[in-house]
Amino acid sequence: MSKKWSMLALASLMIVVSACSQTKNEVAPSSSAAPGSNASTTPSAASKGPYVKYDQPVTLNIAKAYNTKDLKLPNGDTVGNNEYLRYVEKKLNVKVNLTWQVETPDAYAQKIGVSIAGNDLPDAFIVNEQQLKQLAAANLIEDLTKVYNDNANDYIKGLYKSYDNRVLGRATFNGKLMALPNTNIGQQFNITWIRQDWLDKFGLKAPQSLDDLENIAKTFVDKNASGKGTIGFTGMPTLAGWNANNGFDPIFGAMNAYKGQWLKDASGKVVYSSTLPEMKTALGKLHDLYAKGIIDKEFALRKDPNEVIANNQVGIVFGPWWISYWPLPDSVKNDPAAEWKPFLAPLDTKGKFNTADQDPTSSFLVVRKGYANPEAVVRALNVEYDGIRQFDLGAKDIYKDVPGVGAMWGLWPFSLQVGPEDTVYQTSAELKKAVDAKNPASLNAELKSYYDHVMQNKDNPKKDINAWSDAMARMDGSQLMGSDKISMVRNVFFGKTKSMDQKLATLQKLENETFLKIIMGEAPLDSFDSFVSQWNSLGGKDITNEVTQEMNH
């Protein structure tokens, strides 16, 4: 299984899970005209409310990216004419019209850019953050403040509220809400996966501290646990990052160091985390581990570090909850005795697993300035999510007999994923409850498939690698995401300033090259101080000032 295919499959899977799981922490839809009721069938267009139906037809022109390669709908249905769109029309008297559609996100980005430049805009469309700022500054999109307050249902409002102001705040300018943001699935940070069978073989306990982890890795290396020239753990050239395995994030976190984040120090001042003293200390520790032969000597040069994982030369892997989908299955295929277990380790001196959060939003649904019915966009989103989340039983059976219908959420009007930040844990908690009760009756189709795999793997461990992957990811890995040991350090700025466009690539190159040289012993640890000075003089100071200004704007 290739990395590209695996990640695409995972992304699709996560979208479906996020779209289909409701748990105790989610807010139910508004009871003021609930889905399926006929409470408001003929109000005037001026009425407000989540499910108000127009007395006269309203047209809503949209644009989207949707890959139709494997799309097979009955009765000649298409991306622009299907049961989901007809359901919105039935509920609201809003006719959704597809102005244009392209096959890929790249093609969409290009075409929407041309549309913005030519001020030839659909009524509602999705943009990135930079485009949102441009549109708001040019007064080309509607202020949605009152529209959102008057028409968003309680469920949508509850989701946004769960992020405090970290999501809606990104779409707010001068006190005006100019877009409805998406929400990115959280909990994609690296944890530590270890060969439990190797721990047992050498009588080692699960790690707590960084010293524990080092001792385990050293034992695996010294005793050549693999019999193939064992590596303590490998890494990646960029050293850290979300949603990607082999980053040293857990080690950085144990030392209160974070790479590439914008944080506030004790005085409230905005600082770039890679330039802080804690980073110097962490780099010194990584150099020591490298010098001792615990870190893979070739980690910075390997085209694919997952090859040594598949070859079972590594007994410790840093990766998110989902790495039992990739690359760990190759390890198990090549050695059925491999027993991988996830751990929140190493912990800091206070017993906390420290990690930095990821960007909670990245795309924004906006409404063209002058569109007569902006409230129709919010109401359509309500109906869409009542259908996706299966709150509205009237929408539950749409395309129920079509294979892969769960992945068709993008056929609703807006490809805007909105869900709780802790979707991963919530999904796992719901699944675990059913597994413990040995009763999947409360689960939707997606979770029922996980349940079946978990039970299958219980009966015949690792006989089916897909069942093993689901069991490890959806139970073992995901369950850790609910631990009170996790301490999330909040990044305060995810945007892009003017100087970043011109200088960020140079600064990132300087950072990565310096850090690698320090770890690999090609430069002394004190070269970190020179790096900080260079970083500031080459544009880092300017960027920091711009970030501070934007934070205070």
Protein backbone atom coordinates (compact mmCIF):
# COMPACT_ATOMS: atom_id res chain seq x y z
CA MET A 1 0.00 0.00 0.00
CA SER A 2 1.53 3.32 -1.06
CA LYS A 3 1.79 6.31 1.24
CA LYS A 4 -0.28 8.43 -1.13
CA TRP A 5 -3.08 5.90 -1.37
CA SER A 6 -3.04 5.28 2.36
CA MET A 7 -3.31 8.93 3.25
CA LEU A 8 -6.10 9.55 0.75
CA ALA A 9 -7.98 6.58 2.14
CA LEU A 10 -7.42 7.83 5.67
CA ALA A 11 -8.61 11.31 4.78
CA SER A 12 -11.78 9.89 3.26
CA LEU A 13 -12.28 7.67 6.28
CA MET A 14 -11.86 10.53 8.70
CA ILE A 15 -14.35 12.67 6.82
CA VAL A 16 -16.93 9.92 7.02
CA VAL A 17 -16.32 9.29 10.70
CA SER A 18 -16.52 12.98 11.50
CA ALA A 19 -19.64 13.26 9.43
CA CYS A 20 -21.45 10.29 10.91
CA SER A 21 -20.64 10.18 14.62
CA GLN A 22 -22.80 11.85 17.25
CA THR A 23 -21.79 11.50 20.87
CA LYS A 24 -22.75 12.82 24.26
CA ASN A 25 -20.65 15.97 23.88
CA GLU A 26 -22.40 17.11 20.72
CA VAL A 27 -25.31 19.51 20.85
CA ALA A 28 -28.61 18.36 19.41
CA PRO A 29 -30.20 20.34 16.59
CA SER A 30 -32.39 23.29 17.48
CA SER A 31 -35.84 22.32 18.66
CA SER A 32 -37.32 25.45 17.11
CA ALA A 33 -38.65 23.83 13.93
CA ALA A 34 -36.91 20.48 14.14
CA PRO A 35 -35.92 18.44 11.08
CA GLY A 36 -38.88 16.72 9.54
CA SER A 37 -41.48 19.04 11.09
CA ASN A 38 -43.92 21.10 9.05
CA ALA A 39 -43.85 24.00 11.48
CA SER A 40 -42.85 26.64 8.93
CA THR A 41 -43.93 25.81 5.42
CA THR A 42 -45.09 29.18 4.10
CA PRO A 43 -43.35 32.04 5.91
CA SER A 44 -42.15 35.15 4.17
CA ALA A 45 -38.55 35.31 3.04
CA ALA A 46 -37.86 37.83 5.80
CA SER A 47 -38.57 35.28 8.56
CA LYS A 48 -35.64 33.94 10.53
CA GLY A 49 -34.90 30.48 11.88
CA PRO A 50 -32.84 27.38 11.09
CA TYR A 51 -35.46 25.60 8.99
CA VAL A 52 -37.68 28.35 7.60
CA LYS A 53 -39.02 27.40 4.17
CA TYR A 54 -39.34 30.15 1.57
CA ASP A 55 -42.79 30.79 0.12
CA GLN A 56 -41.20 31.49 -3.27
CA PRO A 57 -38.31 29.50 -4.83
CA VAL A 58 -34.84 30.81 -4.10
CA THR A 59 -31.86 30.00 -6.31
CA LEU A 60 -28.45 29.40 -4.75
CA ASN A 61 -25.54 29.21 -7.19
CA ILE A 62 -22.48 27.33 -5.94
CA ALA A 63 -19.17 25.93 -7.24
CA LYS A 64 -17.19 22.96 -6.04
CA ALA A 65 -14.44 20.42 -6.56
CA TYR A 66 -15.62 16.82 -6.75
CA ASN A 67 -13.83 13.87 -8.30
CA THR A 68 -16.41 12.04 -10.41
CA LYS A 69 -14.10 9.22 -11.55
CA ASP A 70 -15.81 6.52 -9.48
CA LEU A 71 -19.12 8.26 -8.97
CA LYS A 72 -22.03 6.01 -9.90
CA LEU A 73 -25.46 7.41 -9.10
CA PRO A 74 -28.82 6.00 -10.19
CA ASN A 75 -31.32 7.61 -12.55
CA GLY A 76 -28.75 9.78 -14.27
CA ASP A 77 -28.03 11.83 -11.14
CA THR A 78 -24.94 14.04 -11.15
CA VAL A 79 -22.90 16.29 -8.88
CA GLY A 80 -25.18 19.17 -9.83
CA ASN A 81 -28.48 17.27 -9.85
CA ASN A 82 -28.90 14.66 -7.15
CA GLU A 83 -31.06 13.54 -4.25
CA TYR A 84 -29.16 15.57 -1.66
CA LEU A 85 -29.71 18.82 -3.52
CA ARG A 86 -33.32 17.92 -4.20
CA TYR A 87 -33.78 17.24 -0.49
CA VAL A 88 -32.54 20.74 0.35
CA GLU A 89 -35.03 22.11 -2.16
CA LYS A 90 -37.82 20.06 -0.62
CA LYS A 91 -37.04 21.27 2.89
CA LEU A 92 -36.33 24.94 2.19
CA ASN A 93 -37.58 25.75 -1.32
CA VAL A 94 -33.93 26.58 -2.13
CA LYS A 95 -32.84 25.42 -5.56
CA VAL A 96 -29.10 24.73 -5.46
CA ASN A 97 -27.54 25.28 -8.87
CA LEU A 98 -24.01 24.14 -9.69
CA THR A 99 -22.43 27.03 -11.62
CA TRP A 100 -19.26 25.06 -12.25
CA GLN A 101 -17.47 21.99 -10.98
CA VAL A 102 -13.88 20.77 -11.31
CA GLU A 103 -12.29 17.45 -10.45
CA THR A 104 -9.45 18.39 -8.08
CA PRO A 105 -8.69 20.84 -5.25
CA ASP A 106 -5.85 22.34 -7.31
CA ALA A 107 -8.17 22.99 -10.23
CA TYR A 108 -10.69 24.55 -7.85
CA ALA A 109 -8.07 26.83 -6.31
CA GLN A 110 -7.07 28.01 -9.77
CA LYS A 111 -10.59 28.59 -11.03
CA ILE A 112 -11.88 30.29 -7.90
CA GLY A 113 -8.82 32.55 -8.04
CA VAL A 114 -9.75 33.57 -11.58
CA SER A 115 -13.36 34.12 -10.48
CA ILE A 116 -12.27 36.36 -7.63
CA ALA A 117 -9.92 38.35 -9.89
CA GLY A 118 -12.71 38.89 -12.38
CA ASN A 119 -15.40 39.46 -9.73
CA ASP A 120 -17.42 36.71 -11.39
CA LEU A 121 -18.51 34.91 -8.26
CA PRO A 122 -21.03 32.20 -7.40
CA ASP A 123 -23.53 33.07 -4.67
CA ALA A 124 -21.68 30.90 -2.13
CA PHE A 125 -18.25 29.35 -2.41
CA ILE A 126 -15.30 28.11 -0.38
CA VAL A 127 -11.96 29.95 -0.16
CA ASN A 128 -8.70 29.73 1.76
CA GLU A 129 -7.76 32.18 4.49
CA GLN A 130 -5.72 34.48 2.30
CA GLN A 131 -8.58 34.74 -0.20
CA LEU A 132 -11.01 35.39 2.64
CA LYS A 133 -8.93 38.34 3.81
CA GLN A 134 -8.74 39.72 0.27
CA LEU A 135 -12.48 39.39 -0.28
CA ALA A 136 -13.31 40.98 3.07
CA ALA A 137 -10.92 43.88 2.46
CA ALA A 138 -12.41 44.45 -1.01
CA ASN A 139 -15.98 44.34 0.36
CA LEU A 140 -16.89 41.54 -2.05
CA ILE A 141 -18.61 39.24 0.47
CA GLU A 142 -21.56 39.53 2.82
CA ASP A 143 -21.40 40.18 6.55
CA LEU A 144 -22.90 36.99 8.01
CA THR A 145 -23.06 38.06 11.66
CA LYS A 146 -26.83 38.50 11.93
CA VAL A 147 -27.54 35.78 9.36
CA TYR A 148 -25.55 33.28 11.42
CA ASN A 149 -27.01 34.34 14.76
CA ASP A 150 -30.59 34.21 13.45
CA ASN A 151 -30.41 31.08 11.30
CA ALA A 152 -27.66 28.65 12.35
CA ASN A 153 -29.08 25.74 14.33
CA ASP A 154 -27.96 24.94 17.86
CA TYR A 155 -25.86 22.02 16.69
CA ILE A 156 -23.72 24.10 14.30
CA LYS A 157 -23.41 26.87 16.89
CA GLY A 158 -22.41 24.34 19.54
CA LEU A 159 -19.64 22.93 17.37
CA TYR A 160 -18.14 26.35 16.74
CA LYS A 161 -18.52 27.31 20.40
CA SER A 162 -16.55 24.22 21.45
CA TYR A 163 -13.45 25.82 19.86
CA ASP A 164 -13.95 28.99 21.92
CA ASN A 165 -13.05 31.76 19.46
CA ARG A 166 -10.26 29.88 17.69
CA VAL A 167 -12.40 29.12 14.61
CA LEU A 168 -15.09 31.80 14.23
CA GLY A 169 -12.51 34.38 15.29
CA ARG A 170 -10.47 33.61 12.19
CA ALA A 171 -13.45 34.58 10.03
CA THR A 172 -14.26 37.75 11.96
CA PHE A 173 -13.01 41.16 10.82
CA ASN A 174 -13.75 44.38 12.69
CA GLY A 175 -16.37 42.54 14.69
CA LYS A 176 -18.11 41.16 11.59
CA LEU A 177 -18.40 37.44 10.81
CA MET A 178 -17.50 37.23 7.12
CA ALA A 179 -17.50 33.45 6.60
CA LEU A 180 -18.40 30.09 8.06
CA PRO A 181 -15.14 28.19 8.67
CA ASN A 182 -14.49 24.49 8.38
CA THR A 183 -13.05 22.65 11.37
CA ASN A 184 -10.03 20.39 10.99
CA ILE A 185 -10.05 17.09 12.83
CA GLY A 186 -7.72 17.39 15.80
CA GLN A 187 -5.65 14.88 17.76
CA GLN A 188 -3.32 14.14 14.84
CA PHE A 189 -0.16 14.59 16.92
CA ASN A 190 2.54 11.96 17.32
CA ILE A 191 2.48 9.50 20.18
CA THR A 192 4.93 6.64 20.76
CA TRP A 193 4.34 3.14 19.40
CA ILE A 194 6.53 0.34 20.81
CA ARG A 195 6.96 -3.37 20.15
CA GLN A 196 5.34 -4.82 23.28
CA ASP A 197 6.74 -8.25 22.47
CA TRP A 198 10.24 -6.78 22.64
CA LEU A 199 9.46 -5.09 25.94
CA ASP A 200 8.31 -8.44 27.31
CA LYS A 201 11.33 -10.24 25.88
CA PHE A 202 13.75 -8.04 27.81
CA GLY A 203 11.62 -7.55 30.92
CA LEU A 204 11.10 -3.84 30.32
CA LYS A 205 8.21 -1.75 31.62
CA ALA A 206 6.24 0.76 29.58
CA PRO A 207 8.06 4.11 29.44
CA GLN A 208 7.11 7.14 31.48
CA SER A 209 10.05 9.54 31.32
CA LEU A 210 12.43 10.40 28.52
CA ASP A 211 15.12 8.45 30.39
CA ASP A 212 12.83 5.40 30.33
CA LEU A 213 12.38 5.71 26.58
CA GLU A 214 16.10 6.11 26.04
CA ASN A 215 16.79 3.02 28.14
CA ILE A 216 14.28 0.97 26.16
CA ALA A 217 15.73 2.11 22.83
CA LYS A 218 19.29 1.44 24.02
CA THR A 219 18.30 -2.06 25.14
CA PHE A 220 16.69 -2.82 21.78
CA VAL A 221 19.84 -1.61 20.00
CA ASP A 222 22.43 -3.22 22.29
CA LYS A 223 20.68 -6.57 22.35
CA ASN A 224 19.84 -6.35 18.64
CA ALA A 225 16.19 -7.17 19.25
CA SER A 226 15.48 -7.49 15.54
CA GLY A 227 18.51 -9.62 14.72
CA LYS A 228 18.99 -7.35 11.70
CA GLY A 229 20.95 -4.46 13.13
CA THR A 230 18.35 -2.77 15.32
CA ILE A 231 17.67 0.97 15.20
CA GLY A 232 16.39 2.74 18.32
CA PHE A 233 14.08 4.99 16.37
CA THR A 234 14.17 6.74 13.03
CA GLY A 235 13.02 10.22 12.15
CA MET A 236 12.32 12.66 9.32
CA PRO A 237 14.40 15.58 7.98
CA THR A 238 11.90 18.23 9.14
CA LEU A 239 12.08 16.69 12.65
CA ALA A 240 8.46 17.32 13.64
CA GLY A 241 4.96 17.96 12.31
CA TRP A 242 1.28 17.06 12.53
CA ASN A 243 -0.35 14.15 10.80
CA ALA A 244 2.97 12.58 9.78
CA ASN A 245 4.90 9.75 11.39
CA ASN A 246 8.57 9.64 12.43
CA GLY A 247 8.70 13.16 13.84
CA PHE A 248 10.50 13.66 17.16
CA ASP A 249 7.55 15.64 18.57
CA PRO A 250 7.15 13.46 21.71
CA ILE A 251 10.79 14.07 22.65
CA PHE A 252 10.49 17.81 22.02
CA GLY A 253 7.30 17.91 24.09
CA ALA A 254 8.88 16.13 27.05
CA MET A 255 11.39 18.98 27.16
CA ASN A 256 8.76 21.72 26.64
CA ALA A 257 10.13 22.49 23.19
CA TYR A 258 7.98 22.92 20.07
CA LYS A 259 9.08 23.36 16.49
CA GLY A 260 7.61 26.01 14.22
CA GLN A 261 4.87 27.34 16.52
CA TRP A 262 3.75 30.84 17.44
CA LEU A 263 3.28 30.96 21.21
CA LYS A 264 2.87 33.53 23.95
CA ASP A 265 5.50 33.64 26.67
CA ALA A 266 4.82 34.26 30.36
CA SER A 267 4.61 38.01 29.75
CA GLY A 268 2.09 37.61 26.93
CA LYS A 269 4.62 38.40 24.22
CA VAL A 270 4.33 36.53 20.89
CA VAL A 271 7.40 34.36 20.28
CA TYR A 272 8.52 31.83 17.67
CA SER A 273 9.00 28.54 19.50
CA SER A 274 11.97 27.31 17.46
CA THR A 275 14.08 30.20 18.75
CA LEU A 276 13.47 29.61 22.46
CA PRO A 277 16.05 28.22 24.94
CA GLU A 278 13.99 25.04 25.39
CA MET A 279 14.63 24.20 21.75
CA LYS A 280 18.39 24.45 22.27
CA THR A 281 18.16 22.03 25.19
CA ALA A 282 16.05 19.60 23.16
CA LEU A 283 18.46 19.70 20.23
CA GLY A 284 21.28 18.90 22.62
CA LYS A 285 19.39 15.85 23.82
CA LEU A 286 18.67 14.68 20.28
CA HIS A 287 22.37 15.06 19.48
CA ASP A 288 23.23 12.86 22.46
CA LEU A 289 20.77 10.19 21.31
CA TYR A 290 22.22 10.36 17.82
CA ALA A 291 25.79 10.14 19.08
CA LYS A 292 24.89 7.09 21.19
CA GLY A 293 23.55 5.31 18.10
CA ILE A 294 19.94 5.35 19.29
CA ILE A 295 18.63 7.62 16.54
CA ASP A 296 18.96 6.17 13.05
CA LYS A 297 22.26 7.41 11.61
CA GLU A 298 20.63 7.66 8.19
CA PHE A 299 17.33 9.28 9.23
CA ALA A 300 18.04 12.56 7.43
CA LEU A 301 18.97 10.82 4.18
CA ARG A 302 16.52 7.95 3.89
CA LYS A 303 14.05 8.37 1.04
CA ASP A 304 11.56 6.26 2.96
CA PRO A 305 12.21 5.69 6.68
CA ASN A 306 9.22 3.39 6.74
CA GLU A 307 11.27 0.74 4.99
CA VAL A 308 13.19 -0.02 8.19
CA ILE A 309 9.87 -0.14 10.06
CA ALA A 310 8.47 -2.63 7.56
CA ASN A 311 11.69 -4.63 7.84
CA ASN A 312 11.22 -4.75 11.63
CA GLN A 313 14.56 -3.13 12.40
CA VAL A 314 12.78 -0.55 14.55
CA GLY A 315 10.90 -1.21 17.79
CA ILE A 316 9.92 2.39 18.57
CA VAL A 317 7.97 4.54 16.12
CA PHE A 318 6.62 8.06 16.62
CA GLY A 319 3.31 8.56 14.85
CA PRO A 320 -0.38 9.51 15.27
CA TRP A 321 -3.14 7.18 16.38
CA TRP A 322 -3.67 6.07 12.76
CA ILE A 323 -0.26 4.56 11.94
CA SER A 324 -1.71 1.08 12.36
CA TYR A 325 -3.18 1.80 8.92
CA TRP A 326 0.26 2.75 7.60
CA PRO A 327 3.13 1.87 7.96
CA LEU A 328 2.74 -0.66 10.81
CA PRO A 329 0.73 -3.24 8.79
CA ASP A 330 3.84 -3.97 6.72
CA SER A 331 5.72 -4.71 9.94
CA VAL A 332 3.03 -7.16 11.06
CA LYS A 333 2.83 -8.80 7.66
CA ASN A 334 6.57 -9.44 7.71
CA ASP A 335 6.60 -10.54 11.35
CA PRO A 336 3.24 -11.80 12.70
CA ALA A 337 4.82 -11.89 16.17
CA ALA A 338 5.03 -8.07 16.18
CA GLU A 339 2.83 -6.64 18.93
CA TRP A 340 2.68 -2.88 18.53
CA LYS A 341 1.20 -0.82 21.39
CA PRO A 342 0.70 2.96 21.62
CA PHE A 343 1.85 5.01 24.62
CA LEU A 344 1.60 8.60 25.76
CA ALA A 345 5.32 8.86 26.37
CA PRO A 346 7.67 10.34 27.24
CA LEU A 347 6.07 12.52 29.92
CA ASP A 348 7.58 15.70 31.33
CA THR A 349 8.64 16.14 34.96
CA LYS A 350 5.02 16.94 35.89
CA GLY A 351 3.69 13.74 34.34
CA LYS A 352 2.22 15.47 31.29
CA PHE A 353 2.43 14.54 27.61
CA ASN A 354 3.02 17.86 25.91
CA THR A 355 2.09 18.57 22.33
CA ALA A 356 1.25 21.61 20.21
CA ASP A 357 -2.16 21.87 18.60
CA GLN A 358 -2.80 21.92 14.88
CA ASP A 359 -4.55 24.50 12.75
CA PRO A 360 -8.26 24.19 13.67
CA THR A 361 -9.50 25.68 10.40
CA SER A 362 -8.28 26.12 6.84
CA SER A 363 -11.21 26.85 4.52
CA PHE A 364 -14.13 29.24 4.65
CA LEU A 365 -17.62 29.37 3.18
CA VAL A 366 -18.41 32.89 1.99
CA VAL A 367 -21.41 34.58 0.37
CA ARG A 368 -21.15 36.92 -2.58
CA LYS A 369 -21.82 40.57 -1.76
CA GLY A 370 -25.28 41.47 -2.96
CA TYR A 371 -26.74 37.96 -2.88
CA ALA A 372 -30.34 38.55 -1.86
CA ASN A 373 -30.75 35.55 0.44
CA PRO A 374 -27.58 34.91 2.47
CA GLU A 375 -29.68 33.19 5.13
CA ALA A 376 -30.39 30.46 2.57
CA VAL A 377 -26.72 29.45 2.77
CA VAL A 378 -26.88 28.95 6.54
CA ARG A 379 -30.19 27.10 6.38
CA ALA A 380 -28.89 24.83 3.63
CA LEU A 381 -25.88 24.03 5.82
CA ASN A 382 -28.25 23.16 8.68
CA VAL A 383 -30.18 20.74 6.50
CA GLU A 384 -26.95 19.30 5.12
CA TYR A 385 -25.55 18.50 8.54
CA ASP A 386 -28.83 17.18 9.89
CA GLY A 387 -28.61 14.73 7.01
CA ILE A 388 -24.90 13.94 7.34
CA ARG A 389 -25.16 13.39 11.10
CA GLN A 390 -28.36 11.40 10.62
CA PHE A 391 -30.38 13.67 12.90
CA ASP A 392 -32.98 14.03 10.16
CA LEU A 393 -34.50 10.61 9.56
CA GLY A 394 -36.03 11.87 6.32
CA ALA A 395 -32.56 12.09 4.80
CA LYS A 396 -31.18 8.90 6.30
CA ASP A 397 -32.08 6.60 3.41
CA ILE A 398 -30.93 8.80 0.53
CA TYR A 399 -28.92 6.54 -1.80
CA LYS A 400 -28.99 3.84 0.88
CA ASP A 401 -28.61 1.10 -1.74
CA VAL A 402 -25.73 2.78 -3.55
CA PRO A 403 -22.29 1.31 -2.68
CA GLY A 404 -19.99 3.77 -0.97
CA VAL A 405 -22.79 6.20 -0.17
CA GLY A 406 -21.06 7.13 3.10
CA ALA A 407 -18.27 8.79 1.14
CA MET A 408 -20.71 10.96 -0.83
CA TRP A 409 -21.09 13.67 1.78
CA GLY A 410 -19.53 16.08 -0.73
CA LEU A 411 -22.66 15.84 -2.88
CA TRP A 412 -24.50 17.97 -0.34
CA PRO A 413 -24.27 21.67 -1.25
CA PHE A 414 -21.13 22.58 0.68
CA SER A 415 -17.93 20.55 1.04
CA LEU A 416 -17.36 22.13 4.43
CA GLN A 417 -16.39 19.73 7.19
CA VAL A 418 -17.63 20.92 10.58
CA GLY A 419 -17.22 18.71 13.62
CA PRO A 420 -15.89 18.50 17.15
CA GLU A 421 -12.14 18.86 17.57
CA ASP A 422 -12.00 15.58 19.48
CA THR A 423 -13.83 13.56 16.82
CA VAL A 424 -11.16 10.86 17.04
CA TYR A 425 -11.71 10.23 20.74
CA GLN A 426 -15.48 10.65 20.61
CA THR A 427 -15.70 8.06 17.86
CA SER A 428 -13.50 5.70 19.84
CA ALA A 429 -15.52 6.17 23.02
CA GLU A 430 -18.75 5.37 21.21
CA LEU A 431 -17.17 2.30 19.64
CA LYS A 432 -15.67 1.10 22.93
CA LYS A 433 -19.03 1.35 24.66
CA ALA A 434 -20.55 -0.95 22.04
CA VAL A 435 -17.59 -3.35 22.18
CA ASP A 436 -17.74 -3.58 25.98
CA ALA A 437 -21.47 -4.30 25.77
CA LYS A 438 -20.99 -6.62 22.79
CA ASN A 439 -23.90 -4.82 21.20
CA PRO A 440 -23.48 -2.68 18.05
CA ALA A 441 -27.16 -1.72 17.78
CA SER A 442 -26.52 1.97 18.51
CA LEU A 443 -23.77 2.34 15.90
CA ASN A 444 -24.10 3.80 12.42
CA ALA A 445 -22.88 1.84 9.40
CA GLU A 446 -19.34 3.22 9.55
CA LEU A 447 -18.82 2.47 13.23
CA LYS A 448 -20.50 -0.90 12.81
CA SER A 449 -17.77 -1.85 10.32
CA TYR A 450 -15.13 -0.93 12.92
CA TYR A 451 -17.01 -2.92 15.54
CA ASP A 452 -17.03 -5.99 13.30
CA HIS A 453 -13.30 -5.70 12.74
CA VAL A 454 -12.55 -5.20 16.43
CA MET A 455 -14.51 -8.33 17.33
CA GLN A 456 -12.97 -10.24 14.44
CA ASN A 457 -9.48 -9.33 15.61
CA LYS A 458 -10.35 -10.36 19.16
CA ASP A 459 -11.30 -13.82 17.94
CA ASN A 460 -8.42 -14.19 15.47
CA PRO A 461 -5.66 -11.67 16.22
CA LYS A 462 -3.86 -10.40 13.12
CA LYS A 463 -5.39 -13.01 10.84
CA ASP A 464 -6.93 -10.16 8.84
CA ILE A 465 -4.61 -7.18 8.61
CA ASN A 466 -7.46 -4.75 7.89
CA ALA A 467 -9.30 -5.91 11.01
CA TRP A 468 -6.09 -5.53 13.02
CA SER A 469 -5.55 -2.00 11.67
CA ASP A 470 -9.05 -0.90 12.62
CA ALA A 471 -8.80 -2.47 16.07
CA MET A 472 -5.46 -0.83 16.83
CA ALA A 473 -6.36 2.60 15.45
CA ARG A 474 -9.97 2.89 16.52
CA MET A 475 -9.50 1.37 19.96
CA ASP A 476 -5.92 1.37 21.25
CA GLY A 477 -4.60 4.51 19.52
CA SER A 478 -7.74 6.63 19.62
CA GLN A 479 -8.53 5.81 23.26
CA LEU A 480 -5.35 7.56 24.36
CA MET A 481 -6.64 10.81 22.87
CA GLY A 482 -9.01 11.18 25.83
CA SER A 483 -6.27 10.99 28.47
CA ASP A 484 -5.97 13.75 31.06
CA LYS A 485 -2.19 13.42 30.74
CA ILE A 486 -2.29 15.32 27.45
CA SER A 487 -1.29 18.97 27.76
CA MET A 488 -2.10 20.94 24.61
CA VAL A 489 0.04 23.99 23.98
CA ARG A 490 -1.95 26.44 21.88
CA ASN A 491 -0.47 27.96 18.77
CA VAL A 492 -1.78 31.53 18.67
CA PHE A 493 -1.30 32.26 14.95
CA PHE A 494 -1.81 30.06 11.90
CA GLY A 495 -2.12 32.75 9.26
CA LYS A 496 0.31 34.23 6.78
CA THR A 497 1.79 37.71 6.99
CA LYS A 498 3.23 39.85 4.20
CA SER A 499 6.86 39.13 5.10
CA MET A 500 6.16 35.39 5.26
CA ASP A 501 5.47 35.40 1.53
CA GLN A 502 8.94 36.78 0.89
CA LYS A 503 11.08 35.36 3.68
CA LEU A 504 9.50 32.30 5.28
CA ALA A 505 10.99 29.72 2.89
CA THR A 506 14.50 31.03 3.54
CA LEU A 507 13.96 31.01 7.30
CA GLN A 508 12.56 27.48 7.30
CA LYS A 509 15.53 26.25 5.27
CA LEU A 510 17.93 27.89 7.72
CA GLU A 511 16.09 26.35 10.66
CA ASN A 512 15.98 22.80 9.30
CA GLU A 513 19.61 22.82 8.14
CA THR A 514 20.89 24.22 11.45
CA PHE A 515 18.90 21.79 13.57
CA LEU A 516 19.98 18.79 11.51
CA LYS A 517 23.63 19.81 11.71
CA ILE A 518 23.41 20.14 15.49
CA ILE A 519 21.73 16.76 15.92
CA MET A 520 24.17 15.00 13.62
CA GLY A 521 27.22 16.63 15.17
CA GLU A 522 28.16 18.67 12.13
CA ALA A 523 27.76 21.91 14.09
CA PRO A 524 28.20 22.66 17.82
CA LEU A 525 25.18 23.15 20.03
CA ASP A 526 26.09 26.82 20.51
CA SER A 527 25.48 27.40 16.79
CA PHE A 528 21.84 27.56 17.89
CA ASP A 529 22.55 31.04 19.26
CA SER A 530 23.89 32.14 15.89
CA PHE A 531 20.81 30.67 14.24
CA VAL A 532 18.52 32.77 16.44
CA SER A 533 20.46 35.90 15.55
CA GLN A 534 20.37 35.08 11.82
CA TRP A 535 16.70 34.15 11.97
CA ASN A 536 15.83 37.54 13.38
CA SER A 537 18.03 39.51 10.99
CA LEU A 538 16.86 37.65 7.86
CA GLY A 539 13.21 38.48 8.46
CA GLY A 540 12.16 36.64 11.58
CA LYS A 541 11.96 39.83 13.62
CA ASP A 542 9.80 41.48 10.96
CA ILE A 543 7.50 38.46 10.82
CA THR A 544 7.21 38.38 14.62
CA ASN A 545 6.21 42.05 14.62
CA GLU A 546 3.61 41.38 11.91
CA VAL A 547 2.19 38.41 13.80
CA THR A 548 1.99 40.55 16.94
CA GLN A 549 0.18 43.29 15.01
CA GLU A 550 -2.31 40.82 13.57
CA MET A 551 -2.89 39.33 17.02
CA ASN A 552 -3.65 42.82 18.36
CA HIS A 553 -5.77 43.84 15.37
